[in-house]
C-alpha atoms as a PDB file:
ATOM      1  CA  UNK A   1     116.778  67.697 222.899  1.00  0.00           C
ATOM      2  CA  UNK A   2     113.562  66.950 221.095  1.00  0.00           C
ATOM      3  CA  UNK A   3     112.176  68.470 217.882  1.00  0.00           C
ATOM      4  CA  UNK A   4     109.941  70.948 219.691  1.00  0.00           C
ATOM      5  CA  UNK A   5     112.927  72.471 221.541  1.00  0.00           C
ATOM      6  CA  UNK A   6     114.851  72.874 218.282  1.00  0.00           C
ATOM      7  CA  UNK A   7     111.921  74.669 216.672  1.00  0.00           C
ATOM      8  CA  UNK A   8     111.569  76.951 219.727  1.00  0.00           C
ATOM      9  CA  UNK A   9     115.266  77.860 219.579  1.00  0.00           C
ATOM     10  CA  UNK A  10     115.076  78.626 215.844  1.00  0.00           C
ATOM     11  CA  UNK A  11     111.988  80.797 216.366  1.00  0.00           C
ATOM     12  CA  UNK A  12     113.647  82.604 219.314  1.00  0.00           C
ATOM     13  CA  UNK A  13     116.881  83.264 217.381  1.00  0.00           C
ATOM     14  CA  UNK A  14     114.894  84.458 214.349  1.00  0.00           C
ATOM     15  CA  UNK A  15     112.920  86.910 216.497  1.00  0.00           C
ATOM     16  CA  UNK A  16     116.128  88.102 218.164  1.00  0.00           C
ATOM     17  CA  UNK A  17     117.841  88.745 214.810  1.00  0.00           C
ATOM     18  CA  UNK A  18     114.786  90.551 213.444  1.00  0.00           C
ATOM     19  CA  UNK A  19     114.565  92.674 216.633  1.00  0.00           C
ATOM     20  CA  UNK A  20     118.242  93.667 216.385  1.00  0.00           C
ATOM     21  CA  UNK A  21     117.879  94.533 212.696  1.00  0.00           C
ATOM     22  CA  UNK A  22     114.777  96.607 213.407  1.00  0.00           C
ATOM     23  CA  UNK A  23     116.518  98.465 216.245  1.00  0.00           C
ATOM     24  CA  UNK A  24     119.574  99.265 214.125  1.00  0.00           C
ATOM     25  CA  UNK A  25     117.373 100.474 211.242  1.00  0.00           C
ATOM     26  CA  UNK A  26     115.439 102.788 213.554  1.00  0.00           C
ATOM     27  CA  UNK A  27     118.537 104.297 215.106  1.00  0.00           C
ATOM     28  CA  UNK A  28     118.450 108.083 215.502  1.00  0.00           C
ATOM     29  CA  UNK A  29     122.182 108.433 215.002  1.00  0.00           C
ATOM     30  CA  UNK A  30     122.852 110.621 211.986  1.00  0.00           C
ATOM     31  CA  UNK A  31     125.216 109.339 209.378  1.00  0.00           C
ATOM     32  CA  UNK A  32     127.692 111.620 207.706  1.00  0.00           C
ATOM     33  CA  UNK A  33     126.405 112.710 204.289  1.00  0.00           C
ATOM     34  CA  UNK A  34     128.915 111.909 201.601  1.00  0.00           C
ATOM     35  CA  UNK A  35     128.598 113.885 198.362  1.00  0.00           C
ATOM     36  CA  UNK A  36     128.023 111.874 195.238  1.00  0.00           C
ATOM     37  CA  UNK A  37     131.007 111.653 192.877  1.00  0.00           C
ATOM     38  CA  UNK A  38     129.344 113.970 190.364  1.00  0.00           C
ATOM     39  CA  UNK A  39     128.765 116.684 193.000  1.00  0.00           C
ATOM     40  CA  UNK A  40     132.275 116.301 194.353  1.00  0.00           C
ATOM     41  CA  UNK A  41     133.863 116.506 190.912  1.00  0.00           C
ATOM     42  CA  UNK A  42     131.803 119.604 190.045  1.00  0.00           C
ATOM     43  CA  UNK A  43     133.091 121.388 193.137  1.00  0.00           C
ATOM     44  CA  UNK A  44     136.719 120.398 192.842  1.00  0.00           C
ATOM     45  CA  UNK A  45     137.660 120.042 189.203  1.00  0.00           C
ATOM     46  CA  UNK A  46     134.640 120.770 187.047  1.00  0.00           C
ATOM     47  CA  UNK A  47     132.177 118.424 185.411  1.00  0.00           C
ATOM     48  CA  UNK A  48     133.643 115.053 184.482  1.00  0.00           C
ATOM     49  CA  UNK A  49     130.612 113.345 182.959  1.00  0.00           C
ATOM     50  CA  UNK A  50     129.908 112.866 179.291  1.00  0.00           C
ATOM     51  CA  UNK A  51     128.849 115.972 177.402  1.00  0.00           C
ATOM     52  CA  UNK A  52     125.243 116.132 176.234  1.00  0.00           C
ATOM     53  CA  UNK A  53     124.779 115.178 172.593  1.00  0.00           C
ATOM     54  CA  UNK A  54     123.186 117.925 170.515  1.00  0.00           C
ATOM     55  CA  UNK A  55     120.149 117.140 168.459  1.00  0.00           C
ATOM     56  CA  UNK A  56     119.788 117.911 164.760  1.00  0.00           C
ATOM     57  CA  UNK A  57     116.180 117.708 163.560  1.00  0.00           C
ATOM     58  CA  UNK A  58     113.938 118.374 160.582  1.00  0.00           C
ATOM     59  CA  UNK A  59     110.162 117.978 160.959  1.00  0.00           C
ATOM     60  CA  UNK A  60     110.504 115.659 163.984  1.00  0.00           C
ATOM     61  CA  UNK A  61     113.100 113.526 162.159  1.00  0.00           C
ATOM     62  CA  UNK A  62     116.279 113.327 164.245  1.00  0.00           C
ATOM     63  CA  UNK A  63     119.725 112.823 162.729  1.00  0.00           C
ATOM     64  CA  UNK A  64     121.957 110.056 164.071  1.00  0.00           C
ATOM     65  CA  UNK A  65     124.811 111.907 165.762  1.00  0.00           C
ATOM     66  CA  UNK A  66     128.006 110.373 167.072  1.00  0.00           C
ATOM     67  CA  UNK A  67     130.517 111.972 169.436  1.00  0.00           C
ATOM     68  CA  UNK A  68     134.146 111.740 168.364  1.00  0.00           C
ATOM     69  CA  UNK A  69     136.159 113.433 171.135  1.00  0.00           C
ATOM     70  CA  UNK A  70     135.438 115.531 174.207  1.00  0.00           C
ATOM     71  CA  UNK A  71     137.318 117.483 176.837  1.00  0.00           C
ATOM     72  CA  UNK A  72     136.426 119.437 179.993  1.00  0.00           C
ATOM     73  CA  UNK A  73     138.707 122.325 180.833  1.00  0.00           C
ATOM     74  CA  UNK A  74     140.481 122.558 184.170  1.00  0.00           C
ATOM     75  CA  UNK A  75     142.608 125.419 185.480  1.00  0.00           C
ATOM     76  CA  UNK A  76     145.746 123.676 184.235  1.00  0.00           C
ATOM     77  CA  UNK A  77     144.268 122.155 181.059  1.00  0.00           C
ATOM     78  CA  UNK A  78     142.639 123.912 178.107  1.00  0.00           C
ATOM     79  CA  UNK A  79     140.734 122.031 175.418  1.00  0.00           C
ATOM     80  CA  UNK A  80     141.558 122.119 171.738  1.00  0.00           C
ATOM     81  CA  UNK A  81     139.185 119.680 170.046  1.00  0.00           C
ATOM     82  CA  UNK A  82     139.553 119.334 166.285  1.00  0.00           C
ATOM     83  CA  UNK A  83     136.913 118.467 163.730  1.00  0.00           C
ATOM     84  CA  UNK A  84     136.025 114.871 162.895  1.00  0.00           C
ATOM     85  CA  UNK A  85     138.323 113.384 160.276  1.00  0.00           C
ATOM     86  CA  UNK A  86     137.108 109.798 159.806  1.00  0.00           C
ATOM     87  CA  UNK A  87     133.394 109.929 159.023  1.00  0.00           C
ATOM     88  CA  UNK A  88     133.154 106.434 157.569  1.00  0.00           C
ATOM     89  CA  UNK A  89     134.054 104.549 160.755  1.00  0.00           C
ATOM     90  CA  UNK A  90     132.425 107.010 163.177  1.00  0.00           C
ATOM     91  CA  UNK A  91     129.096 107.041 161.330  1.00  0.00           C
ATOM     92  CA  UNK A  92     129.132 103.361 160.418  1.00  0.00           C
ATOM     93  CA  UNK A  93     125.710 101.887 161.102  1.00  0.00           C
ATOM     94  CA  UNK A  94     123.966 105.221 161.564  1.00  0.00           C
ATOM     95  CA  UNK A  95     120.999 106.485 159.606  1.00  0.00           C
ATOM     96  CA  UNK A  96     121.361 109.441 157.248  1.00  0.00           C
ATOM     97  CA  UNK A  97     118.614 112.025 157.693  1.00  0.00           C
ATOM     98  CA  UNK A  98     116.744 112.945 154.476  1.00  0.00           C
ATOM     99  CA  UNK A  99     116.015 116.615 153.797  1.00  0.00           C
ATOM    100  CA  UNK A 100     114.842 118.777 150.919  1.00  0.00           C
ATOM    101  CA  UNK A 101     117.064 121.457 149.335  1.00  0.00           C
ATOM    102  CA  UNK A 102     117.239 124.577 151.516  1.00  0.00           C
ATOM    103  CA  UNK A 103     115.194 123.021 154.329  1.00  0.00           C
ATOM    104  CA  UNK A 104     115.792 124.449 157.806  1.00  0.00           C
ATOM    105  CA  UNK A 105     117.660 122.053 160.113  1.00  0.00           C
ATOM    106  CA  UNK A 106     117.308 122.776 163.835  1.00  0.00           C
ATOM    107  CA  UNK A 107     119.856 122.354 166.635  1.00  0.00           C
ATOM    108  CA  UNK A 108     118.770 121.321 170.112  1.00  0.00           C
ATOM    109  CA  UNK A 109     120.511 120.375 173.319  1.00  0.00           C
ATOM    110  CA  UNK A 110     118.534 117.864 175.368  1.00  0.00           C
ATOM    111  CA  UNK A 111     118.299 118.289 179.123  1.00  0.00           C
ATOM    112  CA  UNK A 112     119.187 114.819 180.318  1.00  0.00           C
ATOM    113  CA  UNK A 113     118.933 114.075 184.049  1.00  0.00           C
ATOM    114  CA  UNK A 114     122.255 114.455 185.809  1.00  0.00           C
ATOM    115  CA  UNK A 115     123.567 117.087 183.414  1.00  0.00           C
ATOM    116  CA  UNK A 116     124.328 120.362 185.234  1.00  0.00           C
ATOM    117  CA  UNK A 117     122.210 123.385 184.307  1.00  0.00           C
ATOM    118  CA  UNK A 118     125.297 125.137 182.881  1.00  0.00           C
ATOM    119  CA  UNK A 119     125.457 122.532 180.098  1.00  0.00           C
ATOM    120  CA  UNK A 120     121.786 122.795 179.112  1.00  0.00           C
ATOM    121  CA  UNK A 121     120.329 124.849 176.308  1.00  0.00           C
ATOM    122  CA  UNK A 122     121.733 126.490 173.208  1.00  0.00           C
ATOM    123  CA  UNK A 123     122.558 129.769 174.987  1.00  0.00           C
ATOM    124  CA  UNK A 124     125.608 128.289 176.728  1.00  0.00           C
ATOM    125  CA  UNK A 125     127.297 126.879 173.621  1.00  0.00           C
ATOM    126  CA  UNK A 126     129.050 127.900 170.436  1.00  0.00           C
ATOM    127  CA  UNK A 127     128.896 125.597 167.406  1.00  0.00           C
ATOM    128  CA  UNK A 128     131.576 125.475 164.726  1.00  0.00           C
ATOM    129  CA  UNK A 129     129.990 123.569 161.818  1.00  0.00           C
ATOM    130  CA  UNK A 130     131.933 122.232 158.825  1.00  0.00           C
ATOM    131  CA  UNK A 131     130.306 120.570 155.804  1.00  0.00           C
ATOM    132  CA  UNK A 132     132.038 117.905 153.689  1.00  0.00           C
ATOM    133  CA  UNK A 133     130.755 117.224 150.188  1.00  0.00           C
ATOM    134  CA  UNK A 134     132.533 115.655 147.183  1.00  0.00           C
ATOM    135  CA  UNK A 135     135.944 115.923 148.840  1.00  0.00           C
ATOM    136  CA  UNK A 136     135.596 119.607 149.723  1.00  0.00           C
ATOM    137  CA  UNK A 137     134.977 121.165 153.087  1.00  0.00           C
ATOM    138  CA  UNK A 138     133.320 124.472 153.844  1.00  0.00           C
ATOM    139  CA  UNK A 139     132.253 126.428 156.903  1.00  0.00           C
ATOM    140  CA  UNK A 140     128.478 126.467 157.436  1.00  0.00           C
ATOM    141  CA  UNK A 141     126.864 129.763 158.417  1.00  0.00           C
ATOM    142  CA  UNK A 142     124.227 129.401 161.129  1.00  0.00           C
ATOM    143  CA  UNK A 143     122.542 131.407 163.863  1.00  0.00           C
ATOM    144  CA  UNK A 144     123.292 128.958 166.700  1.00  0.00           C
ATOM    145  CA  UNK A 145     119.791 127.527 166.520  1.00  0.00           C
ATOM    146  CA  UNK A 146     119.518 126.282 162.919  1.00  0.00           C
ATOM    147  CA  UNK A 147     121.102 126.121 159.470  1.00  0.00           C
ATOM    148  CA  UNK A 148     119.767 125.467 155.985  1.00  0.00           C
ATOM    149  CA  UNK A 149     120.366 122.334 153.958  1.00  0.00           C
ATOM    150  CA  UNK A 150     122.361 122.821 150.758  1.00  0.00           C
ATOM    151  CA  UNK A 151     120.527 123.282 147.454  1.00  0.00           C
ATOM    152  CA  UNK A 152     122.510 120.656 145.513  1.00  0.00           C
ATOM    153  CA  UNK A 153     121.260 117.060 145.944  1.00  0.00           C
ATOM    154  CA  UNK A 154     123.644 114.525 147.445  1.00  0.00           C
ATOM    155  CA  UNK A 155     125.009 113.112 150.691  1.00  0.00           C
ATOM    156  CA  UNK A 156     126.662 115.621 153.010  1.00  0.00           C
ATOM    157  CA  UNK A 157     128.770 114.942 156.087  1.00  0.00           C
ATOM    158  CA  UNK A 158     128.990 117.412 158.950  1.00  0.00           C
ATOM    159  CA  UNK A 159     131.475 117.910 161.736  1.00  0.00           C
ATOM    160  CA  UNK A 160     130.349 120.066 164.638  1.00  0.00           C
ATOM    161  CA  UNK A 161     132.668 121.234 167.387  1.00  0.00           C
ATOM    162  CA  UNK A 162     130.504 122.321 170.293  1.00  0.00           C
ATOM    163  CA  UNK A 163     132.070 124.596 172.918  1.00  0.00           C
ATOM    164  CA  UNK A 164     130.450 125.123 176.320  1.00  0.00           C
ATOM    165  CA  UNK A 165     131.187 128.694 177.372  1.00  0.00           C
ATOM    166  CA  UNK A 166     129.461 128.994 180.772  1.00  0.00           C
ATOM    167  CA  UNK A 167     130.906 128.262 184.208  1.00  0.00           C
ATOM    168  CA  UNK A 168     131.779 124.757 183.027  1.00  0.00           C
ATOM    169  CA  UNK A 169     133.978 125.004 179.946  1.00  0.00           C
ATOM    170  CA  UNK A 170     134.583 122.192 177.524  1.00  0.00           C
ATOM    171  CA  UNK A 171     134.475 121.026 173.936  1.00  0.00           C
ATOM    172  CA  UNK A 172     133.283 118.015 171.996  1.00  0.00           C
ATOM    173  CA  UNK A 173     133.251 117.043 168.337  1.00  0.00           C
ATOM    174  CA  UNK A 174     130.292 115.321 166.694  1.00  0.00           C
ATOM    175  CA  UNK A 175     129.465 113.967 163.253  1.00  0.00           C
ATOM    176  CA  UNK A 176     126.236 113.433 161.344  1.00  0.00           C
ATOM    177  CA  UNK A 177     125.117 113.168 157.735  1.00  0.00           C
ATOM    178  CA  UNK A 178     122.180 114.305 155.639  1.00  0.00           C
ATOM    179  CA  UNK A 179     120.899 113.310 152.235  1.00  0.00           C
ATOM    180  CA  UNK A 180     119.512 116.176 150.182  1.00  0.00           C
ATOM    181  CA  UNK A 181     116.829 114.955 147.732  1.00  0.00           C
END
């Protein structure tokens, strides 16, 4: 067998393989559609992804927020998330947002891709907000959309337990800090 015959065989086999691949790619046989894991889990046991992280902003300045714990309710499992206890390790390396006394601080809930509609927006959540300052904790009054910074200067830590109350029920605790100057 000479070199020309070898080249012809390689070319023929290459064309044959490409033809078979093309024919299998153009097949009209329908494949069974398999739901993605997120769709399947929504139908069977509720949302299993990570909860969206709320935003806390003042004049386009966004606070660094860290999630502590989260839970999605199932028919046989109710959530009972508690407030953040260890701010120092959870907020280590985060930036403290600077605000002026009494300044309005806004809540938001971003609409990340892949997050079900039931988990979007402030209308489907309740926020339990606790403030920690100089070793004392106090409940923070708010309207679900914003709260006001304290009047006294200093560094304040906040623990927010967010509860989703729509068709998908769950809870998550978050922490952030502000510096009133």
